[in-house]
Amino acid sequence: MPCCSRSSLALTTPIKASKLPGPKATREEYVDKALNMIGNTSPFDITHHPAMAVPCGMSEGLPVSLMLVGKHFDEPTIYRAAFAFERAGDWKKM
């Protein structure tokens, strides 16, 4: 990701929670739910960019978060950004 080497805070991506499978769900349904968000998170696992999800609102009764992604070895930047965002207001009302 070339963009990540030029900026302090490279990018953000939304993440929305999904409802848990019911008690009678099949194993396939559990696995499907467990892997549902992998498309949002795996790129940063592979590239080793620091990333952090910060709650930023609610949708259909479920939390939505904003994933902050930074440059390699620059965790302090995403920590500061997450702290500032959390202090900006009540995420449940955003």
N, C-alpha and C. Protein backbone atom coordinates (compact mmCIF):
# COMPACT_ATOMS: atom_id res chain seq x y z
N MET A 1 0.82 -1.17 0.00
CA MET A 1 0.00 0.00 0.00
C MET A 1 0.87 1.24 0.00
N PRO A 2 1.17 1.79 -1.13
CA PRO A 2 2.01 2.97 -1.20
C PRO A 2 1.46 4.16 -0.42
N CYS A 3 0.14 4.30 -0.35
CA CYS A 3 -0.43 5.46 0.33
C CYS A 3 -0.06 5.47 1.81
N CYS A 4 0.16 4.33 2.37
CA CYS A 4 0.43 4.26 3.81
C CYS A 4 1.80 4.79 4.19
N SER A 5 2.70 4.88 3.26
CA SER A 5 4.03 5.38 3.59
C SER A 5 4.12 6.90 3.50
N ARG A 6 3.11 7.58 2.94
CA ARG A 6 3.17 9.02 2.74
C ARG A 6 2.41 9.83 3.78
N SER A 7 1.44 9.25 4.44
CA SER A 7 0.62 10.03 5.35
C SER A 7 0.69 9.48 6.77
N SER A 8 0.35 10.32 7.71
CA SER A 8 0.37 9.89 9.11
C SER A 8 -0.76 8.92 9.40
N LEU A 9 -1.94 9.24 8.95
CA LEU A 9 -3.08 8.35 9.12
C LEU A 9 -3.53 7.97 7.72
N ALA A 10 -3.25 6.76 7.32
CA ALA A 10 -3.39 6.37 5.94
C ALA A 10 -4.83 6.31 5.46
N LEU A 11 -5.66 5.59 6.15
CA LEU A 11 -7.02 5.43 5.67
C LEU A 11 -7.92 4.96 6.78
N THR A 12 -9.19 5.00 6.51
CA THR A 12 -10.19 4.49 7.44
C THR A 12 -11.14 3.60 6.68
N THR A 13 -11.75 2.67 7.37
CA THR A 13 -12.72 1.79 6.76
C THR A 13 -13.82 1.50 7.78
N PRO A 14 -15.08 1.46 7.36
CA PRO A 14 -16.15 1.18 8.31
C PRO A 14 -16.25 -0.32 8.60
N ILE A 15 -16.70 -0.63 9.80
CA ILE A 15 -16.94 -2.02 10.18
C ILE A 15 -18.28 -2.05 10.90
N LYS A 16 -19.18 -2.90 10.46
CA LYS A 16 -20.49 -3.02 11.10
C LYS A 16 -20.63 -4.41 11.71
N ALA A 17 -21.07 -4.44 12.96
CA ALA A 17 -21.30 -5.71 13.64
C ALA A 17 -22.48 -6.42 12.99
N SER A 18 -22.49 -7.71 13.12
CA SER A 18 -23.63 -8.48 12.64
C SER A 18 -24.20 -9.29 13.80
N LYS A 19 -25.45 -9.63 13.69
CA LYS A 19 -26.10 -10.39 14.75
C LYS A 19 -25.51 -11.79 14.84
N LEU A 20 -25.43 -12.30 16.05
CA LEU A 20 -24.94 -13.66 16.26
C LEU A 20 -25.94 -14.67 15.74
N PRO A 21 -25.45 -15.82 15.29
CA PRO A 21 -26.38 -16.87 14.87
C PRO A 21 -27.19 -17.36 16.08
N GLY A 22 -28.36 -17.86 15.82
CA GLY A 22 -29.21 -18.37 16.89
C GLY A 22 -28.66 -19.64 17.51
N PRO A 23 -29.24 -20.07 18.62
CA PRO A 23 -28.74 -21.26 19.32
C PRO A 23 -28.83 -22.55 18.49
N LYS A 24 -29.68 -22.57 17.50
CA LYS A 24 -29.83 -23.77 16.67
C LYS A 24 -29.13 -23.63 15.32
N ALA A 25 -28.24 -22.65 15.21
CA ALA A 25 -27.54 -22.43 13.94
C ALA A 25 -26.59 -23.59 13.65
N THR A 26 -26.36 -23.80 12.38
CA THR A 26 -25.43 -24.85 11.97
C THR A 26 -23.99 -24.37 12.14
N ARG A 27 -23.08 -25.29 12.10
CA ARG A 27 -21.66 -24.95 12.18
C ARG A 27 -21.27 -24.02 11.04
N GLU A 28 -21.83 -24.25 9.87
CA GLU A 28 -21.54 -23.41 8.71
C GLU A 28 -21.97 -21.96 8.95
N GLU A 29 -23.12 -21.80 9.60
CA GLU A 29 -23.60 -20.44 9.90
C GLU A 29 -22.67 -19.73 10.88
N TYR A 30 -22.18 -20.45 11.88
CA TYR A 30 -21.23 -19.87 12.84
C TYR A 30 -19.94 -19.46 12.15
N VAL A 31 -19.43 -20.34 11.30
CA VAL A 31 -18.18 -20.04 10.58
C VAL A 31 -18.39 -18.85 9.65
N ASP A 32 -19.52 -18.83 8.95
CA ASP A 32 -19.82 -17.72 8.05
C ASP A 32 -19.83 -16.39 8.80
N LYS A 33 -20.48 -16.34 9.96
CA LYS A 33 -20.52 -15.11 10.77
C LYS A 33 -19.13 -14.75 11.28
N ALA A 34 -18.36 -15.75 11.68
CA ALA A 34 -17.02 -15.49 12.20
C ALA A 34 -16.11 -14.88 11.13
N LEU A 35 -16.30 -15.29 9.88
CA LEU A 35 -15.44 -14.81 8.80
C LEU A 35 -16.03 -13.62 8.05
N ASN A 36 -17.18 -13.13 8.48
CA ASN A 36 -17.90 -12.07 7.78
C ASN A 36 -17.08 -10.79 7.61
N MET A 37 -16.29 -10.43 8.58
CA MET A 37 -15.55 -9.17 8.53
C MET A 37 -14.11 -9.32 8.03
N ILE A 38 -13.71 -10.51 7.67
CA ILE A 38 -12.32 -10.74 7.31
C ILE A 38 -11.87 -9.87 6.13
N GLY A 39 -12.78 -9.53 5.25
CA GLY A 39 -12.43 -8.67 4.11
C GLY A 39 -12.00 -7.28 4.54
N ASN A 40 -12.50 -6.80 5.68
CA ASN A 40 -12.13 -5.47 6.18
C ASN A 40 -10.83 -5.48 6.96
N THR A 41 -10.52 -6.60 7.58
CA THR A 41 -9.36 -6.62 8.48
C THR A 41 -8.14 -7.33 7.93
N SER A 42 -8.33 -8.32 7.09
CA SER A 42 -7.18 -9.13 6.63
C SER A 42 -6.13 -8.36 5.84
N PRO A 43 -6.49 -7.32 5.06
CA PRO A 43 -5.42 -6.61 4.35
C PRO A 43 -4.35 -6.05 5.30
N PHE A 44 -4.77 -5.62 6.47
CA PHE A 44 -3.82 -5.02 7.41
C PHE A 44 -3.07 -6.10 8.18
N ASP A 45 -3.67 -7.27 8.34
CA ASP A 45 -2.95 -8.40 8.92
C ASP A 45 -1.81 -8.80 7.99
N ILE A 46 -2.08 -8.80 6.71
CA ILE A 46 -1.09 -9.23 5.72
C ILE A 46 0.02 -8.19 5.55
N THR A 47 -0.35 -6.91 5.51
CA THR A 47 0.66 -5.87 5.28
C THR A 47 1.34 -5.41 6.56
N HIS A 48 0.82 -5.84 7.70
CA HIS A 48 1.37 -5.50 9.02
C HIS A 48 1.25 -4.02 9.36
N HIS A 49 0.26 -3.36 8.79
CA HIS A 49 0.01 -1.97 9.18
C HIS A 49 -0.75 -1.96 10.50
N PRO A 50 -0.41 -1.03 11.40
CA PRO A 50 -1.18 -0.95 12.64
C PRO A 50 -2.60 -0.47 12.34
N ALA A 51 -3.56 -1.09 12.99
CA ALA A 51 -4.96 -0.73 12.77
C ALA A 51 -5.72 -0.88 14.08
N MET A 52 -6.73 -0.04 14.23
CA MET A 52 -7.54 -0.05 15.44
C MET A 52 -8.96 0.32 15.09
N ALA A 53 -9.92 -0.43 15.61
CA ALA A 53 -11.33 -0.12 15.40
C ALA A 53 -11.84 0.72 16.57
N VAL A 54 -12.53 1.81 16.25
CA VAL A 54 -13.08 2.72 17.25
C VAL A 54 -14.59 2.78 17.03
N PRO A 55 -15.40 2.56 18.08
CA PRO A 55 -16.84 2.66 17.89
C PRO A 55 -17.24 4.07 17.48
N CYS A 56 -18.16 4.16 16.51
CA CYS A 56 -18.51 5.50 16.00
C CYS A 56 -20.00 5.68 15.75
N GLY A 57 -20.83 4.73 16.13
CA GLY A 57 -22.26 4.89 15.93
C GLY A 57 -23.00 3.58 16.05
N MET A 58 -24.29 3.68 15.80
CA MET A 58 -25.16 2.51 15.85
C MET A 58 -25.94 2.42 14.55
N SER A 59 -26.21 1.20 14.11
CA SER A 59 -27.02 0.97 12.93
C SER A 59 -27.86 -0.28 13.17
N GLU A 60 -29.16 -0.11 13.11
CA GLU A 60 -30.07 -1.23 13.33
C GLU A 60 -29.81 -1.92 14.67
N GLY A 61 -29.49 -1.12 15.68
CA GLY A 61 -29.26 -1.65 17.02
C GLY A 61 -27.91 -2.29 17.25
N LEU A 62 -27.04 -2.25 16.26
CA LEU A 62 -25.71 -2.84 16.38
C LEU A 62 -24.64 -1.76 16.25
N PRO A 63 -23.52 -1.95 16.93
CA PRO A 63 -22.45 -0.94 16.85
C PRO A 63 -21.76 -0.94 15.49
N VAL A 64 -21.34 0.24 15.09
CA VAL A 64 -20.55 0.43 13.89
C VAL A 64 -19.23 1.02 14.34
N SER A 65 -18.14 0.59 13.74
CA SER A 65 -16.85 1.14 14.13
C SER A 65 -16.10 1.65 12.92
N LEU A 66 -15.14 2.47 13.21
CA LEU A 66 -14.27 3.07 12.21
C LEU A 66 -12.88 2.49 12.43
N MET A 67 -12.33 1.83 11.43
CA MET A 67 -10.99 1.28 11.57
C MET A 67 -9.99 2.31 11.11
N LEU A 68 -9.08 2.68 12.01
CA LEU A 68 -8.01 3.62 11.69
C LEU A 68 -6.78 2.81 11.34
N VAL A 69 -6.13 3.16 10.25
CA VAL A 69 -4.96 2.43 9.77
C VAL A 69 -3.81 3.41 9.62
N GLY A 70 -2.66 3.05 10.16
CA GLY A 70 -1.52 3.96 10.11
C GLY A 70 -0.33 3.39 9.36
N LYS A 71 0.73 4.15 9.38
CA LYS A 71 1.99 3.73 8.75
C LYS A 71 2.63 2.62 9.57
N HIS A 72 3.50 1.89 8.94
CA HIS A 72 4.25 0.86 9.66
C HIS A 72 4.97 1.48 10.86
N PHE A 73 4.91 0.79 11.99
CA PHE A 73 5.60 1.18 13.22
C PHE A 73 5.15 2.53 13.77
N ASP A 74 3.96 2.97 13.41
CA ASP A 74 3.47 4.26 13.90
C ASP A 74 2.16 4.09 14.66
N GLU A 75 2.15 3.15 15.59
CA GLU A 75 0.98 2.94 16.42
C GLU A 75 0.57 4.19 17.20
N PRO A 76 1.53 5.00 17.70
CA PRO A 76 1.12 6.18 18.47
C PRO A 76 0.16 7.11 17.71
N THR A 77 0.30 7.21 16.42
CA THR A 77 -0.59 8.08 15.64
C THR A 77 -2.03 7.58 15.69
N ILE A 78 -2.22 6.27 15.52
CA ILE A 78 -3.61 5.78 15.56
C ILE A 78 -4.14 5.82 16.99
N TYR A 79 -3.28 5.64 17.99
CA TYR A 79 -3.74 5.76 19.38
C TYR A 79 -4.24 7.18 19.64
N ARG A 80 -3.48 8.17 19.19
CA ARG A 80 -3.89 9.57 19.39
C ARG A 80 -5.18 9.88 18.63
N ALA A 81 -5.28 9.39 17.41
CA ALA A 81 -6.49 9.64 16.62
C ALA A 81 -7.71 8.97 17.27
N ALA A 82 -7.54 7.76 17.75
CA ALA A 82 -8.64 7.06 18.41
C ALA A 82 -9.05 7.78 19.69
N PHE A 83 -8.08 8.22 20.46
CA PHE A 83 -8.37 8.95 21.70
C PHE A 83 -9.13 10.24 21.40
N ALA A 84 -8.69 10.98 20.40
CA ALA A 84 -9.35 12.24 20.03
C ALA A 84 -10.78 11.97 19.55
N PHE A 85 -10.95 10.93 18.76
CA PHE A 85 -12.29 10.61 18.26
C PHE A 85 -13.21 10.23 19.41
N GLU A 86 -12.74 9.40 20.32
CA GLU A 86 -13.57 8.98 21.45
C GLU A 86 -13.95 10.16 22.34
N ARG A 87 -13.08 11.14 22.47
CA ARG A 87 -13.36 12.31 23.29
C ARG A 87 -14.30 13.30 22.60
N ALA A 88 -14.49 13.15 21.30
CA ALA A 88 -15.30 14.10 20.52
C ALA A 88 -16.79 14.01 20.86
N GLY A 89 -17.23 12.91 21.40
CA GLY A 89 -18.65 12.79 21.74
C GLY A 89 -19.05 11.36 22.04
N ASP A 90 -20.29 11.20 22.37
CA ASP A 90 -20.84 9.89 22.69
C ASP A 90 -21.09 9.13 21.38
N TRP A 91 -20.30 8.10 21.12
CA TRP A 91 -20.38 7.37 19.87
C TRP A 91 -21.75 6.74 19.65
N LYS A 92 -22.48 6.42 20.71
CA LYS A 92 -23.80 5.81 20.56
C LYS A 92 -24.83 6.79 20.01
N LYS A 93 -24.51 8.10 20.07
CA LYS A 93 -25.43 9.12 19.57
C LYS A 93 -24.98 9.70 18.24
N MET A 94 -23.87 9.23 17.71
CA MET A 94 -23.36 9.77 16.44
C MET A 94 -24.14 9.21 15.27
